[in-house]
Amino acid sequence: MRYVLLIALLAFTLCAQGAPVKIVCLGDSITRGVRGGVTARQTYEHHLQQWLGEHVTPVEVINKGIGGERTDQALKRLASDIITQRPDIVTVMYGTNDSAIDAGKTEPRLPLARYEANLHTIVARLRAAGIRPVLMTSPPLCPKFVYRKREPYVTKGVNHQLVRYVRRVPLVAAKEHVALVDNFAKWAELALLGQDLNALTTDGCHPNPDGHLFIARTMYPVLALLLGGDPELPKSTRATLPAPARATPPPVQTQEGNLALHKPYTQTDPNTHGYDRGLTDGIIDNDTKAGVFASGTGLIYPKVVTIDLGAVQTVGRIVLRNAKDGSTKSVIVHVSSDGQDFENTGTHMFEKMDAAVKTFTFAPKQSRYVRLTFVDTWGNKTHGSPDFMFLRELEVYAK
């Protein structure tokens, strides 16, 4: 009840002033927003100024994000750069850089306890200046972010540290009785509903225009309520986020006698971007998903794919069709009748992105499983990673 009364009092005070309500957005590069592929008019700050001004009350939203910043650095400029702006509300979003573990290090840049203490201090100093703080969690890091390429993120996950810091933000908000915008939770909810979070970022970390739009939609109800307006999102803000683009596969081709056609397979490094089922689909001359196969971008080699032919059959010839995309280099082919003991039938090194076709011919063997082992990478970056292994097709024949 006390919290509701405080919100109502704040809303009355701000709206009674007549001048636009001043909102400062404090944070790191996610707050700053502007980067390759994102203009100032596509940031969440711009959307909020437009939406709140049209549906609640005139506002001036000021972007005070600085790339790479942590909470300890924010405290150093809080008085000179933020409080001097004389804002009515300050949104505070940190955690990505505080929790980051630099290459060659084992500990985050800023200890968790210090991060939490800094949030309390930021809130206290803003309040002492008559400013209303709003705490925000950072969006999660996504699988394509560069951190995934090195330890400890390879083995522990790209968000293994960030989630610990994110969990402290609601605790601080509850103790301080301040409003909370939980971006991390909202993005996680999108992922559970099937949204590819990479599609909301420029690089797996920084929001692209769609990501900024979603952050603005998450923030709007909280800020609208603080300003005495209707927290319901206006219809103009509810555009559905675009699903990741999926190319329409060409018509399925058939290969007479191909024992692997449409057969299932497992991978040690699955692809999560729509390239995961193209190895045995019969499409032999296409490098776009879903007709082409690609592994994930994990750094652990070898990467292994095992095809199940469904029953023990006579196998004497295996055809691999390389793609013009990806970093496929050395590939070993094995066969097995029981999935336990595998026999080597050949090794081949493809030239870089050459779309060559390699045929392995050998004395017929009774086999149910065919295993491909990607040994290494050419290292050329494809779709942002040197660790994509692409193949157009694998075919298996009796002779």
Protein backbone atom coordinates (compact mmCIF):
# COMPACT_ATOMS: atom_id res chain seq x y z
CA MET A 1 0.00 0.00 0.00
CA ARG A 2 2.83 2.35 0.89
CA TYR A 3 4.48 1.65 -2.48
CA VAL A 4 1.26 2.42 -4.39
CA LEU A 5 0.82 5.72 -2.51
CA LEU A 6 4.41 6.70 -3.29
CA ILE A 7 3.84 6.02 -6.98
CA ALA A 8 0.62 8.04 -6.99
CA LEU A 9 2.33 10.95 -5.19
CA LEU A 10 5.24 10.90 -7.61
CA ALA A 11 2.91 10.82 -10.61
CA PHE A 12 0.91 13.78 -9.27
CA THR A 13 4.08 15.79 -8.58
CA LEU A 14 5.65 15.13 -11.96
CA CYS A 15 2.55 15.78 -14.02
CA ALA A 16 1.74 18.94 -12.06
CA GLN A 17 5.05 20.51 -13.04
CA GLY A 18 3.93 21.18 -16.62
CA ALA A 19 7.41 20.78 -18.13
CA PRO A 20 8.32 17.46 -19.74
CA VAL A 21 9.28 14.77 -17.29
CA LYS A 22 13.02 14.14 -17.59
CA ILE A 23 14.09 10.48 -17.67
CA VAL A 24 17.79 9.58 -17.77
CA CYS A 25 18.82 6.08 -18.88
CA LEU A 26 22.04 5.07 -17.12
CA GLY A 27 23.95 1.98 -18.22
CA ASP A 28 26.54 0.39 -20.49
CA SER A 29 26.63 -0.23 -24.26
CA ILE A 30 23.26 -1.99 -24.17
CA THR A 31 21.79 1.28 -22.91
CA ARG A 32 23.87 3.34 -25.30
CA GLY A 33 22.37 1.32 -28.11
CA VAL A 34 23.78 3.06 -31.17
CA ARG A 35 26.16 0.78 -33.08
CA GLY A 36 26.43 -0.89 -36.48
CA GLY A 37 22.87 -1.73 -37.48
CA VAL A 38 21.21 0.42 -34.79
CA THR A 39 20.51 4.14 -35.16
CA ALA A 40 19.55 6.58 -32.40
CA ARG A 41 15.93 6.48 -33.59
CA GLN A 42 15.87 2.68 -33.14
CA THR A 43 16.98 2.60 -29.50
CA TYR A 44 14.62 1.89 -26.64
CA GLU A 45 15.12 5.46 -25.37
CA HIS A 46 13.68 6.88 -28.58
CA HIS A 47 10.69 4.53 -28.51
CA LEU A 48 9.91 5.40 -24.88
CA GLN A 49 10.05 9.14 -25.51
CA GLN A 50 7.61 8.75 -28.40
CA TRP A 51 5.21 6.32 -26.71
CA LEU A 52 5.12 7.97 -23.28
CA GLY A 53 4.76 11.39 -24.86
CA GLU A 54 1.84 10.26 -26.98
CA HIS A 55 -0.03 8.18 -24.39
CA VAL A 56 0.93 9.36 -20.89
CA THR A 57 2.69 12.72 -20.52
CA PRO A 58 5.40 14.73 -22.30
CA VAL A 59 8.82 13.31 -21.48
CA GLU A 60 12.44 13.98 -22.33
CA VAL A 61 14.45 10.76 -22.38
CA ILE A 62 18.22 11.25 -22.16
CA ASN A 63 20.62 8.45 -23.09
CA LYS A 64 23.60 8.27 -20.70
CA GLY A 65 24.92 4.81 -21.57
CA ILE A 66 28.68 4.26 -21.91
CA GLY A 67 30.11 1.15 -23.54
CA GLY A 68 31.94 -1.25 -21.25
CA GLU A 69 30.84 0.49 -18.04
CA ARG A 70 30.37 -1.23 -14.67
CA THR A 71 28.56 -0.08 -11.53
CA ASP A 72 31.76 1.14 -9.86
CA GLN A 73 32.49 3.37 -12.86
CA ALA A 74 28.90 4.61 -12.90
CA LEU A 75 29.26 5.75 -9.30
CA LYS A 76 32.26 7.90 -10.24
CA ARG A 77 30.19 9.93 -12.73
CA LEU A 78 26.84 9.79 -10.98
CA ALA A 79 27.05 13.28 -9.46
CA SER A 80 28.67 15.09 -12.37
CA ASP A 81 26.98 13.41 -15.32
CA ILE A 82 23.59 12.24 -14.04
CA ILE A 83 22.42 14.18 -11.00
CA THR A 84 23.43 17.49 -12.62
CA GLN A 85 20.87 16.75 -15.34
CA ARG A 86 18.20 17.19 -12.64
CA PRO A 87 16.15 14.23 -13.87
CA ASP A 88 12.88 13.08 -12.36
CA ILE A 89 13.56 9.38 -13.03
CA VAL A 90 16.78 7.45 -13.66
CA THR A 91 16.72 3.91 -15.05
CA VAL A 92 19.77 1.85 -14.04
CA MET A 93 20.86 -1.22 -16.06
CA TYR A 94 24.20 -2.91 -15.31
CA GLY A 95 25.53 -6.42 -14.93
CA THR A 96 26.89 -7.55 -18.29
CA ASN A 97 30.31 -5.96 -17.75
CA ASP A 98 30.37 -6.38 -13.96
CA SER A 99 29.96 -10.14 -14.36
CA ALA A 100 32.25 -10.58 -17.38
CA ILE A 101 35.32 -12.81 -17.08
CA ASP A 102 38.12 -11.56 -19.29
CA ALA A 103 40.27 -13.90 -21.40
CA GLY A 104 42.86 -15.63 -19.24
CA LYS A 105 41.05 -14.71 -16.02
CA THR A 106 38.99 -16.89 -13.68
CA GLU A 107 37.00 -14.26 -11.76
CA PRO A 108 34.47 -11.60 -12.87
CA ARG A 109 35.61 -8.02 -13.37
CA LEU A 110 33.68 -6.94 -10.28
CA PRO A 111 32.83 -9.25 -7.34
CA LEU A 112 29.17 -10.07 -6.92
CA ALA A 113 28.94 -8.57 -3.42
CA ARG A 114 30.47 -5.32 -4.60
CA TYR A 115 28.08 -5.16 -7.55
CA GLU A 116 25.12 -5.53 -5.21
CA ALA A 117 26.50 -2.92 -2.80
CA ASN A 118 27.04 -0.51 -5.70
CA LEU A 119 23.40 -0.82 -6.74
CA HIS A 120 22.33 0.08 -3.21
CA THR A 121 24.66 3.10 -3.27
CA ILE A 122 23.40 4.29 -6.66
CA VAL A 123 19.82 4.10 -5.40
CA ALA A 124 20.69 5.95 -2.18
CA ARG A 125 22.50 8.79 -3.97
CA LEU A 126 19.74 9.26 -6.52
CA ARG A 127 17.12 9.35 -3.78
CA ALA A 128 19.15 11.85 -1.79
CA ALA A 129 19.00 14.11 -4.85
CA GLY A 130 15.21 13.76 -5.09
CA ILE A 131 15.37 11.41 -8.09
CA ARG A 132 13.27 8.28 -8.54
CA PRO A 133 15.45 5.22 -9.42
CA VAL A 134 14.23 2.34 -11.56
CA LEU A 135 16.43 -0.78 -11.50
CA MET A 136 16.66 -3.00 -14.56
CA THR A 137 18.20 -6.38 -15.31
CA SER A 138 20.30 -6.85 -18.44
CA PRO A 139 19.09 -9.09 -21.27
CA PRO A 140 20.76 -12.51 -21.42
CA LEU A 141 23.77 -13.19 -23.57
CA CYS A 142 22.95 -15.35 -26.59
CA PRO A 143 24.70 -18.40 -28.05
CA LYS A 144 26.45 -16.54 -30.86
CA PHE A 145 28.18 -14.05 -28.51
CA VAL A 146 31.97 -14.12 -28.73
CA TYR A 147 32.35 -15.19 -25.08
CA ARG A 148 31.10 -18.64 -26.07
CA LYS A 149 34.37 -19.25 -27.88
CA ARG A 150 36.55 -19.34 -24.73
CA GLU A 151 36.65 -20.73 -21.27
CA PRO A 152 34.96 -20.75 -18.82
CA TYR A 153 31.99 -19.91 -21.06
CA VAL A 154 32.57 -22.93 -23.33
CA THR A 155 31.99 -25.44 -20.55
CA LYS A 156 29.78 -23.46 -18.18
CA GLY A 157 27.53 -21.55 -20.57
CA VAL A 158 27.53 -17.98 -21.75
CA ASN A 159 25.22 -16.78 -18.94
CA HIS A 160 26.70 -18.76 -16.05
CA GLN A 161 27.98 -15.59 -14.33
CA LEU A 162 25.51 -13.01 -15.60
CA VAL A 163 22.54 -14.90 -14.15
CA ARG A 164 24.07 -14.69 -10.65
CA TYR A 165 24.30 -10.91 -10.93
CA VAL A 166 20.86 -10.60 -12.48
CA ARG A 167 19.32 -12.41 -9.51
CA ARG A 168 20.60 -9.71 -7.15
CA VAL A 169 18.78 -6.88 -8.91
CA PRO A 170 15.23 -7.87 -7.80
CA LEU A 171 16.56 -8.32 -4.25
CA VAL A 172 17.97 -4.81 -4.23
CA ALA A 173 14.76 -3.43 -5.75
CA ALA A 174 12.67 -5.15 -3.06
CA LYS A 175 14.88 -3.94 -0.19
CA GLU A 176 14.94 -0.39 -1.53
CA HIS A 177 11.24 -0.34 -2.53
CA VAL A 178 12.05 0.81 -6.05
CA ALA A 179 10.48 -0.17 -9.36
CA LEU A 180 11.99 -3.07 -11.32
CA VAL A 181 12.16 -3.83 -15.04
CA ASP A 182 13.21 -7.46 -15.46
CA ASN A 183 14.54 -7.62 -19.02
CA PHE A 184 16.39 -10.89 -18.39
CA ALA A 185 13.18 -12.66 -17.37
CA LYS A 186 11.23 -11.29 -20.34
CA TRP A 187 13.88 -12.40 -22.83
CA ALA A 188 14.04 -15.82 -21.17
CA GLU A 189 10.27 -16.09 -21.54
CA LEU A 190 10.59 -15.34 -25.25
CA ALA A 191 13.15 -18.13 -25.58
CA LEU A 192 10.78 -20.58 -23.89
CA LEU A 193 8.13 -19.62 -26.42
CA GLY A 194 10.49 -20.49 -29.26
CA GLN A 195 12.04 -17.13 -30.14
CA ASP A 196 15.68 -17.29 -31.26
CA LEU A 197 17.22 -14.61 -29.03
CA ASN A 198 20.16 -14.24 -31.41
CA ALA A 199 17.65 -12.69 -33.82
CA LEU A 200 17.13 -9.81 -31.35
CA THR A 201 20.82 -8.89 -31.22
CA THR A 202 23.61 -7.65 -33.46
CA ASP A 203 26.19 -10.00 -31.97
CA GLY A 204 24.59 -12.15 -29.29
CA CYS A 205 24.87 -9.38 -26.68
CA HIS A 206 23.82 -5.96 -27.98
CA PRO A 207 20.16 -5.51 -29.01
CA ASN A 208 19.41 -4.85 -32.65
CA PRO A 209 16.38 -2.70 -33.58
CA ASP A 210 13.98 -5.54 -32.74
CA GLY A 211 15.75 -6.09 -29.42
CA HIS A 212 15.47 -2.42 -28.51
CA LEU A 213 11.81 -2.49 -29.44
CA PHE A 214 11.25 -5.38 -27.06
CA ILE A 215 13.14 -3.66 -24.23
CA ALA A 216 11.00 -0.55 -24.73
CA ARG A 217 7.86 -2.66 -24.57
CA THR A 218 9.12 -4.23 -21.33
CA MET A 219 9.92 -0.86 -19.76
CA TYR A 220 6.81 1.00 -20.87
CA PRO A 221 4.28 -0.43 -18.35
CA VAL A 222 6.59 0.32 -15.40
CA LEU A 223 7.32 3.89 -16.47
CA ALA A 224 3.72 4.56 -17.49
CA LEU A 225 2.56 3.50 -14.03
CA LEU A 226 5.15 5.73 -12.35
CA LEU A 227 3.89 8.64 -14.44
CA GLY A 228 0.25 8.00 -13.55
CA GLY A 229 -0.69 6.56 -16.92
CA ASP A 230 -2.25 3.34 -18.17
CA PRO A 231 0.35 0.54 -18.04
CA GLU A 232 -1.40 -1.27 -20.90
CA LEU A 233 0.80 -1.16 -23.99
CA PRO A 234 -0.67 1.04 -26.73
CA LYS A 235 -1.62 -0.84 -29.88
CA SER A 236 1.10 0.99 -31.80
CA THR A 237 3.78 -0.77 -29.68
CA ARG A 238 2.52 -4.31 -30.04
CA ALA A 239 3.98 -5.31 -33.38
CA THR A 240 4.93 -8.98 -33.32
CA LEU A 241 8.65 -9.59 -33.23
CA PRO A 242 9.78 -11.12 -36.51
CA ALA A 243 10.65 -14.79 -36.44
CA PRO A 244 14.16 -15.69 -37.63
CA ALA A 245 14.22 -15.81 -41.40
CA ARG A 246 14.03 -19.31 -42.81
CA ALA A 247 14.77 -19.90 -46.44
CA THR A 248 12.27 -22.06 -48.33
CA PRO A 249 14.10 -25.27 -49.24
CA PRO A 250 14.16 -26.31 -52.86
CA PRO A 251 12.19 -29.38 -53.94
CA VAL A 252 13.54 -32.59 -52.48
CA GLN A 253 15.66 -34.57 -54.90
CA THR A 254 15.85 -38.34 -54.80
CA GLN A 255 18.92 -40.52 -55.16
CA GLU A 256 17.97 -44.05 -56.13
CA GLY A 257 19.51 -46.54 -53.73
CA ASN A 258 20.70 -43.93 -51.21
CA LEU A 259 20.37 -45.77 -47.90
CA ALA A 260 20.84 -42.57 -45.88
CA LEU A 261 18.04 -40.57 -47.51
CA HIS A 262 15.83 -39.01 -44.78
CA LYS A 263 17.54 -41.08 -42.09
CA PRO A 264 17.98 -39.51 -38.61
CA TYR A 265 21.29 -38.58 -37.01
CA THR A 266 22.76 -37.28 -33.78
CA GLN A 267 25.45 -34.64 -33.24
CA THR A 268 27.93 -33.72 -30.55
CA ASP A 269 27.65 -30.03 -31.53
CA PRO A 270 24.05 -29.42 -32.67
CA ASN A 271 23.15 -26.41 -34.76
CA THR A 272 20.32 -24.27 -33.37
CA HIS A 273 19.81 -21.93 -36.31
CA GLY A 274 17.89 -24.07 -38.78
CA TYR A 275 20.80 -25.90 -40.44
CA ASP A 276 20.51 -29.05 -38.34
CA ARG A 277 18.56 -31.46 -40.63
CA GLY A 278 20.10 -30.92 -44.06
CA LEU A 279 22.60 -33.79 -44.12
CA THR A 280 20.25 -36.52 -45.40
CA ASP A 281 17.38 -34.52 -46.91
CA GLY A 282 18.22 -35.25 -50.56
CA ILE A 283 19.10 -31.64 -51.43
CA ILE A 284 22.56 -31.87 -52.97
CA ASP A 285 23.16 -28.52 -54.70
CA ASN A 286 22.10 -25.86 -52.20
CA ASP A 287 23.96 -23.91 -49.50
CA THR A 288 20.98 -22.30 -47.77
CA LYS A 289 19.04 -23.66 -44.82
CA ALA A 290 17.31 -25.94 -44.38
CA GLY A 291 18.78 -27.76 -47.39
CA VAL A 292 22.38 -27.63 -46.17
CA PHE A 293 23.80 -29.17 -42.99
CA ALA A 294 25.90 -27.25 -40.46
CA SER A 295 27.26 -28.09 -37.07
CA GLY A 296 27.11 -25.69 -34.15
CA THR A 297 29.90 -23.24 -33.34
CA GLY A 298 31.40 -25.05 -30.36
CA LEU A 299 35.17 -25.00 -29.95
CA ILE A 300 35.53 -28.61 -28.85
CA TYR A 301 36.93 -30.88 -31.58
CA PRO A 302 36.40 -33.37 -33.04
CA LYS A 303 32.75 -32.78 -33.89
CA VAL A 304 30.93 -36.05 -34.54
CA VAL A 305 27.73 -36.83 -36.47
CA THR A 306 26.28 -40.36 -36.42
CA ILE A 307 23.65 -41.44 -38.99
CA ASP A 308 21.34 -44.38 -38.20
CA LEU A 309 20.37 -46.29 -41.34
CA GLY A 310 17.63 -48.07 -39.38
CA ALA A 311 18.88 -51.63 -39.93
CA VAL A 312 22.08 -53.50 -40.74
CA GLN A 313 22.67 -53.27 -44.50
CA THR A 314 25.45 -53.81 -47.01
CA VAL A 315 27.43 -50.58 -47.46
CA GLY A 316 30.24 -50.14 -49.97
CA ARG A 317 30.17 -46.50 -51.06
CA ILE A 318 29.72 -43.21 -49.20
CA VAL A 319 29.50 -39.81 -50.90
CA LEU A 320 30.18 -36.49 -49.13
CA ARG A 321 29.16 -33.24 -50.80
CA ASN A 322 30.97 -30.22 -49.38
CA ALA A 323 29.43 -26.73 -49.31
CA LYS A 324 30.76 -23.38 -50.47
CA ASP A 325 29.93 -22.15 -46.98
CA GLY A 326 31.50 -23.07 -43.65
CA SER A 327 34.96 -24.17 -42.55
CA THR A 328 34.87 -27.91 -43.24
CA LYS A 329 38.42 -29.24 -43.54
CA SER A 330 39.40 -32.81 -42.55
CA VAL A 331 36.63 -35.43 -42.34
CA ILE A 332 36.93 -39.08 -41.28
CA VAL A 333 34.23 -41.62 -42.21
CA HIS A 334 33.53 -44.71 -40.07
CA VAL A 335 30.88 -47.43 -40.28
CA SER A 336 29.53 -49.80 -37.64
CA SER A 337 26.99 -52.59 -37.39
CA ASP A 338 26.27 -52.17 -33.66
CA GLY A 339 27.04 -48.52 -32.85
CA GLN A 340 29.92 -49.60 -30.61
CA ASP A 341 32.79 -50.75 -32.84
CA PHE A 342 33.46 -48.39 -35.77
CA GLU A 343 35.72 -49.14 -38.73
CA ASN A 344 37.55 -46.39 -40.60
CA THR A 345 36.66 -46.30 -44.31
CA GLY A 346 38.61 -43.19 -45.26
CA THR A 347 39.78 -39.65 -44.54
CA HIS A 348 39.61 -36.61 -46.79
CA MET A 349 40.70 -33.00 -46.57
CA PHE A 350 38.42 -30.64 -48.47
CA GLU A 351 39.80 -27.44 -49.90
CA LYS A 352 38.47 -24.26 -48.35
CA MET A 353 34.81 -23.65 -49.37
CA ASP A 354 35.21 -25.61 -52.61
CA ALA A 355 31.87 -27.48 -52.84
CA ALA A 356 33.78 -30.60 -53.87
CA VAL A 357 32.32 -34.11 -53.90
CA LYS A 358 34.31 -36.91 -52.27
CA THR A 359 33.41 -40.57 -52.83
CA PHE A 360 34.70 -43.26 -50.46
CA THR A 361 34.61 -46.73 -52.06
CA PHE A 362 35.54 -49.81 -50.02
CA ALA A 363 34.92 -53.54 -49.68
CA PRO A 364 31.23 -53.98 -48.75
CA LYS A 365 30.57 -54.01 -45.02
CA GLN A 366 27.54 -54.89 -42.96
CA SER A 367 26.66 -51.54 -41.36
CA ARG A 368 23.83 -49.75 -39.64
CA TYR A 369 25.66 -46.60 -38.50
CA VAL A 370 27.76 -44.13 -40.47
CA ARG A 371 29.87 -41.71 -38.47
CA LEU A 372 31.41 -38.46 -39.72
CA THR A 373 34.19 -36.90 -37.67
CA PHE A 374 35.08 -33.26 -38.35
CA VAL A 375 38.67 -33.08 -37.16
CA ASP A 376 39.55 -29.43 -37.62
CA THR A 377 38.59 -26.12 -39.24
CA TRP A 378 39.97 -23.90 -41.97
CA GLY A 379 39.30 -21.00 -39.62
CA ASN A 380 37.51 -18.78 -42.13
CA LYS A 381 34.64 -16.89 -40.50
CA THR A 382 31.24 -17.89 -41.84
CA HIS A 383 28.18 -16.19 -40.36
CA GLY A 384 30.48 -14.78 -37.68
CA SER A 385 32.16 -18.03 -36.63
CA PRO A 386 35.14 -20.10 -37.85
CA ASP A 387 33.64 -23.24 -36.27
CA PHE A 388 30.68 -23.96 -38.55
CA MET A 389 31.15 -27.30 -40.36
CA PHE A 390 28.97 -27.30 -43.49
CA LEU A 391 28.07 -30.18 -45.84
CA ARG A 392 25.42 -30.28 -48.52
CA GLU A 393 24.69 -34.00 -48.22
CA LEU A 394 25.84 -37.46 -47.19
CA GLU A 395 24.83 -40.41 -49.33
CA VAL A 396 25.27 -44.10 -48.56
CA TYR A 397 25.09 -46.89 -51.17
CA ALA A 398 25.45 -50.64 -51.21
CA LYS A 399 28.06 -50.41 -53.97
